[in-house]
Amino acid sequence: MTWEQTHRRWRAMRAIEEQLADQEQPRLPWNDELAELFGDPSGLVTALRYRWQLTLDTQLDTHLPEAVLAEQRAQLEQRGHGVRRALAAWAETTAAPSDETDTDPRRRDRAVA
């Protein structure tokens, strides 16, 4: 990946974060530009998850007192609430059926084997 491609991906993720922050029920966007940058929706999801984890890892100072750390975490979670809700909604719509809800015995048998 070139430096320019990396910058385009990070700019796209920042734009998505801003877009999702204002939405009542955030949904991950998808278009030709995002397809070029991330390949498929799961590539976008992986990149956004990575960006969120990187944000937490770099901006939460675990050496601070617990109260200050909790305040920092709350500020970050408020800033990233749109992305987190969109990722959660995406995970719900793409989750594989569990053994208890899957009524097709062929799939249930393979899962056990």
Protein backbone atom coordinates (compact mmCIF):
# COMPACT_ATOMS: atom_id res chain seq x y z
CA MET A 1 0.00 0.00 0.00
CA THR A 2 1.39 3.38 -0.97
CA TRP A 3 1.61 6.39 1.32
CA GLU A 4 -1.14 8.09 -0.70
CA GLN A 5 -3.44 5.06 -0.39
CA THR A 6 -2.85 5.00 3.36
CA HIS A 7 -3.76 8.66 3.62
CA ARG A 8 -6.88 8.14 1.53
CA ARG A 9 -7.99 5.31 3.81
CA TRP A 10 -7.45 7.37 6.97
CA ARG A 11 -9.27 10.38 5.45
CA ALA A 12 -12.16 8.13 4.48
CA MET A 13 -12.37 6.69 8.00
CA ARG A 14 -12.36 10.19 9.54
CA ALA A 15 -15.15 11.24 7.15
CA ILE A 16 -17.15 8.12 8.03
CA GLU A 17 -16.73 8.82 11.76
CA GLU A 18 -18.02 12.37 11.27
CA GLN A 19 -20.94 11.17 9.15
CA LEU A 20 -21.95 8.47 11.64
CA ALA A 21 -21.71 10.81 14.64
CA ASP A 22 -24.73 12.76 13.37
CA GLN A 23 -26.97 9.83 12.51
CA GLU A 24 -29.79 8.64 14.76
CA GLN A 25 -29.32 5.03 13.63
CA PRO A 26 -25.82 4.87 12.14
CA ARG A 27 -25.27 2.56 9.20
CA LEU A 28 -21.93 1.95 7.58
CA PRO A 29 -21.76 3.64 4.20
CA TRP A 30 -20.66 1.79 1.10
CA ASN A 31 -19.82 3.14 -2.36
CA ASP A 32 -17.33 2.67 -5.19
CA GLU A 33 -14.64 4.79 -3.53
CA LEU A 34 -14.86 2.77 -0.31
CA ALA A 35 -14.78 -0.44 -2.35
CA GLU A 36 -11.56 0.74 -4.00
CA LEU A 37 -10.01 1.61 -0.63
CA PHE A 38 -11.19 -1.30 1.54
CA GLY A 39 -12.11 -4.08 -0.90
CA ASP A 40 -15.41 -5.08 0.68
CA PRO A 41 -17.57 -4.06 3.65
CA SER A 42 -15.73 -6.44 5.97
CA GLY A 43 -12.47 -4.69 5.05
CA LEU A 44 -14.01 -1.38 6.06
CA VAL A 45 -15.27 -2.88 9.31
CA THR A 46 -11.83 -4.30 10.09
CA ALA A 47 -10.20 -0.93 9.42
CA LEU A 48 -12.71 0.94 11.60
CA ARG A 49 -12.30 -1.57 14.43
CA TYR A 50 -8.53 -1.22 14.19
CA ARG A 51 -8.81 2.59 14.22
CA TRP A 52 -11.06 2.48 17.30
CA GLN A 53 -8.70 0.13 19.17
CA LEU A 54 -5.73 2.28 18.18
CA THR A 55 -7.58 5.35 19.49
CA LEU A 56 -8.19 3.67 22.83
CA ASP A 57 -4.64 2.33 23.09
CA THR A 58 -3.00 5.66 22.32
CA GLN A 59 -5.31 8.09 24.07
CA LEU A 60 -6.05 6.32 27.34
CA ASP A 61 -3.26 6.85 29.85
CA THR A 62 -3.54 3.91 32.22
CA HIS A 63 -1.11 5.55 34.67
CA LEU A 64 -3.63 8.23 35.58
CA PRO A 65 -5.92 7.98 38.61
CA GLU A 66 -9.02 5.85 38.02
CA ALA A 67 -11.39 8.83 38.02
CA VAL A 68 -9.37 10.67 35.36
CA LEU A 69 -9.05 7.52 33.28
CA ALA A 70 -12.81 6.98 33.47
CA GLU A 71 -13.39 10.56 32.29
CA GLN A 72 -10.99 10.09 29.37
CA ARG A 73 -12.74 6.85 28.40
CA ALA A 74 -16.16 8.53 28.56
CA GLN A 75 -14.94 11.34 26.29
CA LEU A 76 -13.54 8.88 23.76
CA GLU A 77 -16.69 6.76 23.82
CA GLN A 78 -18.82 9.85 23.24
CA ARG A 79 -16.61 10.85 20.31
CA GLY A 80 -16.78 7.35 18.79
CA HIS A 81 -20.39 6.47 19.61
CA GLY A 82 -21.59 6.61 15.99
CA VAL A 83 -18.89 4.28 14.72
CA ARG A 84 -19.33 1.87 17.63
CA ARG A 85 -23.12 1.72 17.08
CA ALA A 86 -22.68 1.21 13.33
CA LEU A 87 -20.16 -1.57 13.92
CA ALA A 88 -22.50 -3.23 16.40
CA ALA A 89 -25.41 -3.02 13.95
CA TRP A 90 -23.23 -4.48 11.19
CA ALA A 91 -22.17 -7.34 13.46
CA GLU A 92 -25.80 -8.12 14.28
CA THR A 93 -26.79 -8.29 10.62
CA THR A 94 -23.84 -10.45 9.61
CA ALA A 95 -23.64 -12.77 12.61
CA ALA A 96 -23.77 -16.46 11.82
CA PRO A 97 -26.78 -18.24 13.29
CA SER A 98 -26.09 -19.99 16.56
CA ASP A 99 -26.72 -23.70 17.06
CA GLU A 100 -29.84 -22.98 19.10
CA THR A 101 -31.50 -20.84 16.40
CA ASP A 102 -30.28 -22.66 13.31
CA THR A 103 -33.05 -25.05 12.27
CA ASP A 104 -31.17 -26.66 9.39
CA PRO A 105 -29.87 -29.97 10.82
CA ARG A 106 -27.16 -30.23 8.13
CA ARG A 107 -25.46 -27.06 9.41
CA ARG A 108 -25.95 -27.99 13.06
CA ASP A 109 -24.39 -31.42 12.47
CA ARG A 110 -21.35 -29.90 10.75
CA ALA A 111 -20.88 -27.42 13.59
CA VAL A 112 -20.73 -30.24 16.10
CA ALA A 113 -18.48 -32.52 14.06
